[in-house]
Full PDB file with SEQRES, HELIX, SHEET, SSBOND, CRYST1, ORIGX, SCALE, CONECT and MASTER records, all heavy atoms in Angstrom:
SEQRES   1 A   31  PHE PRO GLN VAL GLY SER PHE VAL SER ARG VAL ASP PRO          
SEQRES   2 A   31  ASP ARG VAL ALA ASP ALA GLN PHE LEU ARG GLU ALA VAL          
SEQRES   3 A   31  GLU LEU ALA SER LEU                                          
HELIX    1 AA1 PRO A   13  SER A   30  1                                  18    
CRYST1    1.000    1.000    1.000  90.00  90.00  90.00 P 1           1          
ORIGX1      1.000000  0.000000  0.000000        0.00000                         
ORIGX2      0.000000  1.000000  0.000000        0.00000                         
ORIGX3      0.000000  0.000000  1.000000        0.00000                         
SCALE1      1.000000  0.000000  0.000000        0.00000                         
SCALE2      0.000000  1.000000  0.000000        0.00000                         
SCALE3      0.000000  0.000000  1.000000        0.00000                         
ATOM      1  N   PHE A   1       0.849  -1.181   0.000  1.00  0.00           N  
ATOM      2  CA  PHE A   1       0.000   0.000   0.000  1.00  0.00           C  
ATOM      3  C   PHE A   1       0.892   1.241   0.000  1.00  0.00           C  
ATOM      4  O   PHE A   1       1.648   1.452   0.957  1.00  0.00           O  
ATOM      5  CB  PHE A   1      -0.923   0.012   1.220  1.00  0.00           C  
ATOM      6  CG  PHE A   1      -1.879  -1.143   1.266  1.00  0.00           C  
ATOM      7  CD1 PHE A   1      -1.562  -2.295   1.984  1.00  0.00           C  
ATOM      8  CD2 PHE A   1      -3.079  -1.106   0.578  1.00  0.00           C  
ATOM      9  CE1 PHE A   1      -2.432  -3.368   2.031  1.00  0.00           C  
ATOM     10  CE2 PHE A   1      -3.956  -2.173   0.612  1.00  0.00           C  
ATOM     11  CZ  PHE A   1      -3.643  -3.306   1.338  1.00  0.00           C  
ATOM     12  N   PRO A   2       0.851   2.044  -1.065  1.00  0.00           N  
ATOM     13  CA  PRO A   2       1.685   3.249  -1.125  1.00  0.00           C  
ATOM     14  C   PRO A   2       1.485   4.138   0.097  1.00  0.00           C  
ATOM     15  O   PRO A   2       0.365   4.287   0.585  1.00  0.00           O  
ATOM     16  CB  PRO A   2       1.194   3.946  -2.404  1.00  0.00           C  
ATOM     17  CG  PRO A   2       0.643   2.835  -3.251  1.00  0.00           C  
ATOM     18  CD  PRO A   2       0.024   1.877  -2.270  1.00  0.00           C  
ATOM     19  N   GLN A   3       2.575   4.670   0.591  1.00  0.00           N  
ATOM     20  CA  GLN A   3       2.596   5.574   1.745  1.00  0.00           C  
ATOM     21  C   GLN A   3       2.264   4.868   3.061  1.00  0.00           C  
ATOM     22  O   GLN A   3       2.195   5.528   4.104  1.00  0.00           O  
ATOM     23  CB  GLN A   3       1.630   6.758   1.554  1.00  0.00           C  
ATOM     24  CG  GLN A   3       1.723   7.457   0.210  1.00  0.00           C  
ATOM     25  CD  GLN A   3       3.132   7.924  -0.105  1.00  0.00           C  
ATOM     26  OE1 GLN A   3       3.826   8.439   0.767  1.00  0.00           O  
ATOM     27  NE2 GLN A   3       3.557   7.734  -1.351  1.00  0.00           N  
ATOM     28  N   VAL A   4       2.014   3.575   3.001  1.00  0.00           N  
ATOM     29  CA  VAL A   4       1.683   2.843   4.230  1.00  0.00           C  
ATOM     30  C   VAL A   4       2.696   1.730   4.482  1.00  0.00           C  
ATOM     31  O   VAL A   4       3.315   1.664   5.538  1.00  0.00           O  
ATOM     32  CB  VAL A   4       0.255   2.260   4.178  1.00  0.00           C  
ATOM     33  CG1 VAL A   4      -0.060   1.520   5.488  1.00  0.00           C  
ATOM     34  CG2 VAL A   4      -0.766   3.353   3.923  1.00  0.00           C  
ATOM     35  N   GLY A   5       2.869   0.836   3.513  1.00  0.00           N  
ATOM     36  CA  GLY A   5       3.839  -0.231   3.693  1.00  0.00           C  
ATOM     37  C   GLY A   5       3.407  -1.543   3.058  1.00  0.00           C  
ATOM     38  O   GLY A   5       2.404  -1.606   2.326  1.00  0.00           O  
ATOM     39  N   SER A   6       4.157  -2.583   3.338  1.00  0.00           N  
ATOM     40  CA  SER A   6       3.887  -3.924   2.829  1.00  0.00           C  
ATOM     41  C   SER A   6       3.307  -4.789   3.941  1.00  0.00           C  
ATOM     42  O   SER A   6       3.720  -4.686   5.096  1.00  0.00           O  
ATOM     43  CB  SER A   6       5.179  -4.566   2.296  1.00  0.00           C  
ATOM     44  OG  SER A   6       5.725  -3.816   1.240  1.00  0.00           O  
ATOM     45  N   PHE A   7       2.372  -5.652   3.562  1.00  0.00           N  
ATOM     46  CA  PHE A   7       1.676  -6.487   4.539  1.00  0.00           C  
ATOM     47  C   PHE A   7       1.440  -7.874   3.974  1.00  0.00           C  
ATOM     48  O   PHE A   7       1.270  -8.044   2.762  1.00  0.00           O  
ATOM     49  CB  PHE A   7       0.310  -5.873   4.901  1.00  0.00           C  
ATOM     50  CG  PHE A   7       0.396  -4.515   5.526  1.00  0.00           C  
ATOM     51  CD1 PHE A   7       0.556  -3.388   4.741  1.00  0.00           C  
ATOM     52  CD2 PHE A   7       0.341  -4.368   6.899  1.00  0.00           C  
ATOM     53  CE1 PHE A   7       0.657  -2.126   5.309  1.00  0.00           C  
ATOM     54  CE2 PHE A   7       0.437  -3.119   7.477  1.00  0.00           C  
ATOM     55  CZ  PHE A   7       0.601  -1.989   6.685  1.00  0.00           C  
ATOM     56  N   VAL A   8       1.427  -8.859   4.862  1.00  0.00           N  
ATOM     57  CA  VAL A   8       0.937 -10.177   4.470  1.00  0.00           C  
ATOM     58  C   VAL A   8      -0.530 -10.013   4.107  1.00  0.00           C  
ATOM     59  O   VAL A   8      -1.304  -9.419   4.861  1.00  0.00           O  
ATOM     60  CB  VAL A   8       1.088 -11.188   5.624  1.00  0.00           C  
ATOM     61  CG1 VAL A   8       0.508 -12.542   5.214  1.00  0.00           C  
ATOM     62  CG2 VAL A   8       2.544 -11.339   6.030  1.00  0.00           C  
ATOM     63  N   SER A   9      -0.909 -10.491   2.938  1.00  0.00           N  
ATOM     64  CA  SER A   9      -2.304 -10.341   2.535  1.00  0.00           C  
ATOM     65  C   SER A   9      -3.209 -11.143   3.462  1.00  0.00           C  
ATOM     66  O   SER A   9      -2.817 -12.187   3.985  1.00  0.00           O  
ATOM     67  CB  SER A   9      -2.503 -10.800   1.093  1.00  0.00           C  
ATOM     68  OG  SER A   9      -2.282 -12.197   0.992  1.00  0.00           O  
ATOM     69  N   ARG A  10      -4.386 -10.612   3.674  1.00  0.00           N  
ATOM     70  CA  ARG A  10      -5.356 -11.384   4.433  1.00  0.00           C  
ATOM     71  C   ARG A  10      -5.943 -12.471   3.519  1.00  0.00           C  
ATOM     72  O   ARG A  10      -5.916 -12.352   2.293  1.00  0.00           O  
ATOM     73  CB  ARG A  10      -6.426 -10.446   4.982  1.00  0.00           C  
ATOM     74  CG  ARG A  10      -5.806  -9.459   5.976  1.00  0.00           C  
ATOM     75  CD  ARG A  10      -6.834  -8.692   6.768  1.00  0.00           C  
ATOM     76  NE  ARG A  10      -7.520  -7.691   5.954  1.00  0.00           N  
ATOM     77  CZ  ARG A  10      -8.471  -6.885   6.428  1.00  0.00           C  
ATOM     78  NH1 ARG A  10      -8.831  -6.976   7.705  1.00  0.00           N  
ATOM     79  NH2 ARG A  10      -9.052  -6.010   5.649  1.00  0.00           N  
ATOM     80  N   VAL A  11      -6.421 -13.540   4.102  1.00  0.00           N  
ATOM     81  CA  VAL A  11      -6.915 -14.680   3.323  1.00  0.00           C  
ATOM     82  C   VAL A  11      -8.122 -14.241   2.501  1.00  0.00           C  
ATOM     83  O   VAL A  11      -9.078 -13.686   3.034  1.00  0.00           O  
ATOM     84  CB  VAL A  11      -7.292 -15.855   4.247  1.00  0.00           C  
ATOM     85  CG1 VAL A  11      -7.859 -17.005   3.427  1.00  0.00           C  
ATOM     86  CG2 VAL A  11      -6.074 -16.314   5.047  1.00  0.00           C  
ATOM     87  N   ASP A  12      -8.051 -14.478   1.221  1.00  0.00           N  
ATOM     88  CA  ASP A  12      -9.106 -14.074   0.295  1.00  0.00           C  
ATOM     89  C   ASP A  12      -9.994 -15.283  -0.012  1.00  0.00           C  
ATOM     90  O   ASP A  12      -9.549 -16.222  -0.678  1.00  0.00           O  
ATOM     91  CB  ASP A  12      -8.480 -13.544  -0.989  1.00  0.00           C  
ATOM     92  CG  ASP A  12      -9.502 -12.961  -1.948  1.00  0.00           C  
ATOM     93  OD1 ASP A  12     -10.691 -13.320  -1.844  1.00  0.00           O  
ATOM     94  OD2 ASP A  12      -9.107 -12.150  -2.812  1.00  0.00           O  
ATOM     95  N   PRO A  13     -11.253 -15.285   0.452  1.00  0.00           N  
ATOM     96  CA  PRO A  13     -12.128 -16.431   0.194  1.00  0.00           C  
ATOM     97  C   PRO A  13     -12.318 -16.723  -1.290  1.00  0.00           C  
ATOM     98  O   PRO A  13     -12.502 -17.889  -1.674  1.00  0.00           O  
ATOM     99  CB  PRO A  13     -13.448 -16.014   0.856  1.00  0.00           C  
ATOM    100  CG  PRO A  13     -13.040 -15.064   1.937  1.00  0.00           C  
ATOM    101  CD  PRO A  13     -11.890 -14.297   1.347  1.00  0.00           C  
ATOM    102  N   ASP A  14     -12.263 -15.700  -2.130  1.00  0.00           N  
ATOM    103  CA  ASP A  14     -12.399 -15.932  -3.575  1.00  0.00           C  
ATOM    104  C   ASP A  14     -11.195 -16.700  -4.107  1.00  0.00           C  
ATOM    105  O   ASP A  14     -11.335 -17.603  -4.943  1.00  0.00           O  
ATOM    106  CB  ASP A  14     -12.541 -14.608  -4.321  1.00  0.00           C  
ATOM    107  CG  ASP A  14     -13.889 -13.933  -4.079  1.00  0.00           C  
ATOM    108  OD1 ASP A  14     -14.842 -14.641  -3.703  1.00  0.00           O  
ATOM    109  OD2 ASP A  14     -13.975 -12.709  -4.257  1.00  0.00           O  
ATOM    110  N   ARG A  15     -10.006 -16.354  -3.633  1.00  0.00           N  
ATOM    111  CA  ARG A  15      -8.807 -17.085  -4.050  1.00  0.00           C  
ATOM    112  C   ARG A  15      -8.811 -18.501  -3.487  1.00  0.00           C  
ATOM    113  O   ARG A  15      -8.328 -19.437  -4.127  1.00  0.00           O  
ATOM    114  CB  ARG A  15      -7.546 -16.340  -3.611  1.00  0.00           C  
ATOM    115  CG  ARG A  15      -7.231 -15.092  -4.438  1.00  0.00           C  
ATOM    116  CD  ARG A  15      -5.977 -14.407  -3.904  1.00  0.00           C  
ATOM    117  NE  ARG A  15      -5.593 -13.255  -4.687  1.00  0.00           N  
ATOM    118  CZ  ARG A  15      -4.674 -13.266  -5.661  1.00  0.00           C  
ATOM    119  NH1 ARG A  15      -4.076 -14.401  -5.969  1.00  0.00           N  
ATOM    120  NH2 ARG A  15      -4.369 -12.165  -6.321  1.00  0.00           N  
ATOM    121  N   VAL A  16      -9.348 -18.658  -2.285  1.00  0.00           N  
ATOM    122  CA  VAL A  16      -9.489 -20.004  -1.717  1.00  0.00           C  
ATOM    123  C   VAL A  16     -10.388 -20.847  -2.617  1.00  0.00           C  
ATOM    124  O   VAL A  16     -10.067 -21.995  -2.941  1.00  0.00           O  
ATOM    125  CB  VAL A  16     -10.077 -19.937  -0.290  1.00  0.00           C  
ATOM    126  CG1 VAL A  16     -10.424 -21.341   0.211  1.00  0.00           C  
ATOM    127  CG2 VAL A  16      -9.090 -19.275   0.669  1.00  0.00           C  
ATOM    128  N   ALA A  17     -11.510 -20.266  -3.049  1.00  0.00           N  
ATOM    129  CA  ALA A  17     -12.453 -20.998  -3.900  1.00  0.00           C  
ATOM    130  C   ALA A  17     -11.825 -21.337  -5.248  1.00  0.00           C  
ATOM    131  O   ALA A  17     -12.022 -22.446  -5.776  1.00  0.00           O  
ATOM    132  CB  ALA A  17     -13.720 -20.173  -4.085  1.00  0.00           C  
ATOM    133  N   ASP A  18     -11.057 -20.405  -5.819  1.00  0.00           N  
ATOM    134  CA  ASP A  18     -10.414 -20.671  -7.107  1.00  0.00           C  
ATOM    135  C   ASP A  18      -9.409 -21.814  -6.990  1.00  0.00           C  
ATOM    136  O   ASP A  18      -9.353 -22.707  -7.853  1.00  0.00           O  
ATOM    137  CB  ASP A  18      -9.691 -19.411  -7.604  1.00  0.00           C  
ATOM    138  CG  ASP A  18     -10.648 -18.334  -8.078  1.00  0.00           C  
ATOM    139  OD1 ASP A  18     -11.827 -18.639  -8.318  1.00  0.00           O  
ATOM    140  OD2 ASP A  18     -10.211 -17.166  -8.200  1.00  0.00           O  
ATOM    141  N   ALA A  19      -8.585 -21.779  -5.937  1.00  0.00           N  
ATOM    142  CA  ALA A  19      -7.599 -22.832  -5.743  1.00  0.00           C  
ATOM    143  C   ALA A  19      -8.273 -24.168  -5.476  1.00  0.00           C  
ATOM    144  O   ALA A  19      -7.819 -25.217  -5.949  1.00  0.00           O  
ATOM    145  CB  ALA A  19      -6.663 -22.473  -4.589  1.00  0.00           C  
ATOM    146  N   GLN A  20      -9.374 -24.124  -4.724  1.00  0.00           N  
ATOM    147  CA  GLN A  20     -10.106 -25.349  -4.439  1.00  0.00           C  
ATOM    148  C   GLN A  20     -10.684 -25.945  -5.722  1.00  0.00           C  
ATOM    149  O   GLN A  20     -10.667 -27.161  -5.924  1.00  0.00           O  
ATOM    150  CB  GLN A  20     -11.224 -25.056  -3.437  1.00  0.00           C  
ATOM    151  CG  GLN A  20     -12.087 -26.250  -3.090  1.00  0.00           C  
ATOM    152  CD  GLN A  20     -11.286 -27.370  -2.468  1.00  0.00           C  
ATOM    153  OE1 GLN A  20     -10.260 -27.130  -1.835  1.00  0.00           O  
ATOM    154  NE2 GLN A  20     -11.725 -28.592  -2.642  1.00  0.00           N  
ATOM    155  N   PHE A  21     -11.187 -25.083  -6.596  1.00  0.00           N  
ATOM    156  CA  PHE A  21     -11.729 -25.538  -7.880  1.00  0.00           C  
ATOM    157  C   PHE A  21     -10.649 -26.256  -8.681  1.00  0.00           C  
ATOM    158  O   PHE A  21     -10.875 -27.351  -9.226  1.00  0.00           O  
ATOM    159  CB  PHE A  21     -12.261 -24.335  -8.662  1.00  0.00           C  
ATOM    160  CG  PHE A  21     -12.710 -24.663 -10.059  1.00  0.00           C  
ATOM    161  CD1 PHE A  21     -13.948 -25.231 -10.299  1.00  0.00           C  
ATOM    162  CD2 PHE A  21     -11.866 -24.416 -11.145  1.00  0.00           C  
ATOM    163  CE1 PHE A  21     -14.351 -25.548 -11.592  1.00  0.00           C  
ATOM    164  CE2 PHE A  21     -12.256 -24.730 -12.434  1.00  0.00           C  
ATOM    165  CZ  PHE A  21     -13.504 -25.294 -12.661  1.00  0.00           C  
ATOM    166  N   LEU A  22      -9.467 -25.652  -8.753  1.00  0.00           N  
ATOM    167  CA  LEU A  22      -8.368 -26.266  -9.496  1.00  0.00           C  
ATOM    168  C   LEU A  22      -7.953 -27.584  -8.863  1.00  0.00           C  
ATOM    169  O   LEU A  22      -7.804 -28.601  -9.562  1.00  0.00           O  
ATOM    170  CB  LEU A  22      -7.176 -25.308  -9.529  1.00  0.00           C  
ATOM    171  CG  LEU A  22      -5.873 -25.873 -10.108  1.00  0.00           C  
ATOM    172  CD1 LEU A  22      -6.051 -26.232 -11.583  1.00  0.00           C  
ATOM    173  CD2 LEU A  22      -4.732 -24.873  -9.943  1.00  0.00           C  
ATOM    174  N   ARG A  23      -7.791 -27.574  -7.553  1.00  0.00           N  
ATOM    175  CA  ARG A  23      -7.337 -28.785  -6.879  1.00  0.00           C  
ATOM    176  C   ARG A  23      -8.343 -29.917  -7.049  1.00  0.00           C  
ATOM    177  O   ARG A  23      -7.965 -31.055  -7.353  1.00  0.00           O  
ATOM    178  CB  ARG A  23      -7.119 -28.495  -5.393  1.00  0.00           C  
ATOM    179  CG  ARG A  23      -6.634 -29.716  -4.646  1.00  0.00           C  
ATOM    180  CD  ARG A  23      -6.328 -29.454  -3.196  1.00  0.00           C  
ATOM    181  NE  ARG A  23      -5.710 -30.635  -2.614  1.00  0.00           N  
ATOM    182  CZ  ARG A  23      -5.348 -30.745  -1.355  1.00  0.00           C  
ATOM    183  NH1 ARG A  23      -5.517 -29.732  -0.529  1.00  0.00           N  
ATOM    184  NH2 ARG A  23      -4.791 -31.858  -0.918  1.00  0.00           N  
ATOM    185  N   GLU A  24      -9.610 -29.605  -6.857  1.00  0.00           N  
ATOM    186  CA  GLU A  24     -10.635 -30.640  -6.978  1.00  0.00           C  
ATOM    187  C   GLU A  24     -10.679 -31.194  -8.401  1.00  0.00           C  
ATOM    188  O   GLU A  24     -10.797 -32.412  -8.595  1.00  0.00           O  
ATOM    189  CB  GLU A  24     -11.998 -30.065  -6.589  1.00  0.00           C  
ATOM    190  CG  GLU A  24     -13.113 -31.090  -6.573  1.00  0.00           C  
ATOM    191  CD  GLU A  24     -14.414 -30.503  -6.055  1.00  0.00           C  
ATOM    192  OE1 GLU A  24     -14.403 -29.859  -4.990  1.00  0.00           O  
ATOM    193  OE2 GLU A  24     -15.449 -30.692  -6.723  1.00  0.00           O  
ATOM    194  N   ALA A  25     -10.580 -30.318  -9.391  1.00  0.00           N  
ATOM    195  CA  ALA A  25     -10.617 -30.773 -10.782  1.00  0.00           C  
ATOM    196  C   ALA A  25      -9.476 -31.741 -11.073  1.00  0.00           C  
ATOM    197  O   ALA A  25      -9.677 -32.799 -11.696  1.00  0.00           O  
ATOM    198  CB  ALA A  25     -10.550 -29.572 -11.721  1.00  0.00           C  
ATOM    199  N   VAL A  26      -8.277 -31.407 -10.613  1.00  0.00           N  
ATOM    200  CA  VAL A  26      -7.106 -32.248 -10.873  1.00  0.00           C  
ATOM    201  C   VAL A  26      -7.209 -33.574 -10.130  1.00  0.00           C  
ATOM    202  O   VAL A  26      -7.014 -34.655 -10.719  1.00  0.00           O  
ATOM    203  CB  VAL A  26      -5.813 -31.507 -10.473  1.00  0.00           C  
ATOM    204  CG1 VAL A  26      -4.614 -32.443 -10.507  1.00  0.00           C  
ATOM    205  CG2 VAL A  26      -5.573 -30.319 -11.391  1.00  0.00           C  
ATOM    206  N   GLU A  27      -7.523 -33.513  -8.845  1.00  0.00           N  
ATOM    207  CA  GLU A  27      -7.488 -34.742  -8.038  1.00  0.00           C  
ATOM    208  C   GLU A  27      -8.630 -35.691  -8.394  1.00  0.00           C  
ATOM    209  O   GLU A  27      -8.445 -36.909  -8.407  1.00  0.00           O  
ATOM    210  CB  GLU A  27      -7.506 -34.388  -6.556  1.00  0.00           C  
ATOM    211  CG  GLU A  27      -6.250 -33.629  -6.129  1.00  0.00           C  
ATOM    212  CD  GLU A  27      -5.952 -33.759  -4.655  1.00  0.00           C  
ATOM    213  OE1 GLU A  27      -5.966 -34.904  -4.135  1.00  0.00           O  
ATOM    214  OE2 GLU A  27      -5.718 -32.723  -4.017  1.00  0.00           O  
ATOM    215  N   LEU A  28      -9.810 -35.159  -8.688  1.00  0.00           N  
ATOM    216  CA  LEU A  28     -10.911 -36.038  -9.074  1.00  0.00           C  
ATOM    217  C   LEU A  28     -10.672 -36.647 -10.447  1.00  0.00           C  
ATOM    218  O   LEU A  28     -10.963 -37.827 -10.674  1.00  0.00           O  
ATOM    219  CB  LEU A  28     -12.250 -35.292  -9.040  1.00  0.00           C  
ATOM    220  CG  LEU A  28     -13.045 -35.430  -7.738  1.00  0.00           C  
ATOM    221  CD1 LEU A  28     -12.272 -34.848  -6.552  1.00  0.00           C  
ATOM    222  CD2 LEU A  28     -14.399 -34.744  -7.852  1.00  0.00           C  
ATOM    223  N   ALA A  29     -10.128 -35.853 -11.375  1.00  0.00           N  
ATOM    224  CA  ALA A  29      -9.839 -36.387 -12.707  1.00  0.00           C  
ATOM    225  C   ALA A  29      -8.793 -37.495 -12.636  1.00  0.00           C  
ATOM    226  O   ALA A  29      -8.885 -38.499 -13.365  1.00  0.00           O  
ATOM    227  CB  ALA A  29      -9.365 -35.265 -13.628  1.00  0.00           C  
ATOM    228  N   SER A  30      -7.810 -37.326 -11.760  1.00  0.00           N  
ATOM    229  CA  SER A  30      -6.745 -38.327 -11.676  1.00  0.00           C  
ATOM    230  C   SER A  30      -7.281 -39.677 -11.209  1.00  0.00           C  
ATOM    231  O   SER A  30      -6.765 -40.727 -11.610  1.00  0.00           O  
ATOM    232  CB  SER A  30      -5.629 -37.849 -10.742  1.00  0.00           C  
ATOM    233  OG  SER A  30      -6.019 -37.932  -9.380  1.00  0.00           O  
ATOM    234  N   LEU A  31      -8.310 -39.654 -10.378  1.00  0.00           N  
ATOM    235  CA  LEU A  31      -8.872 -40.917  -9.898  1.00  0.00           C  
ATOM    236  C   LEU A  31      -9.462 -41.745 -11.039  1.00  0.00           C  
ATOM    237  O   LEU A  31      -9.526 -42.977 -10.956  1.00  0.00           O  
ATOM    238  CB  LEU A  31      -9.945 -40.641  -8.834  1.00  0.00           C  
ATOM    239  CG  LEU A  31      -9.436 -40.065  -7.511  1.00  0.00           C  
ATOM    240  CD1 LEU A  31     -10.607 -39.669  -6.614  1.00  0.00           C  
ATOM    241  CD2 LEU A  31      -8.536 -41.060  -6.792  1.00  0.00           C  
TER     242      LEU A  31                                                      
MASTER        0    0    0    1    0    0    0    6  241    1    0    3          
END                                                                             
């Protein structure tokens, strides 16, 4: 954030859902 600093991002539920979608697609397809 300009003029403020750098921070560890807070957990983004949308990014969690996107990663979950990818992971589920790969792992279920592999079965």
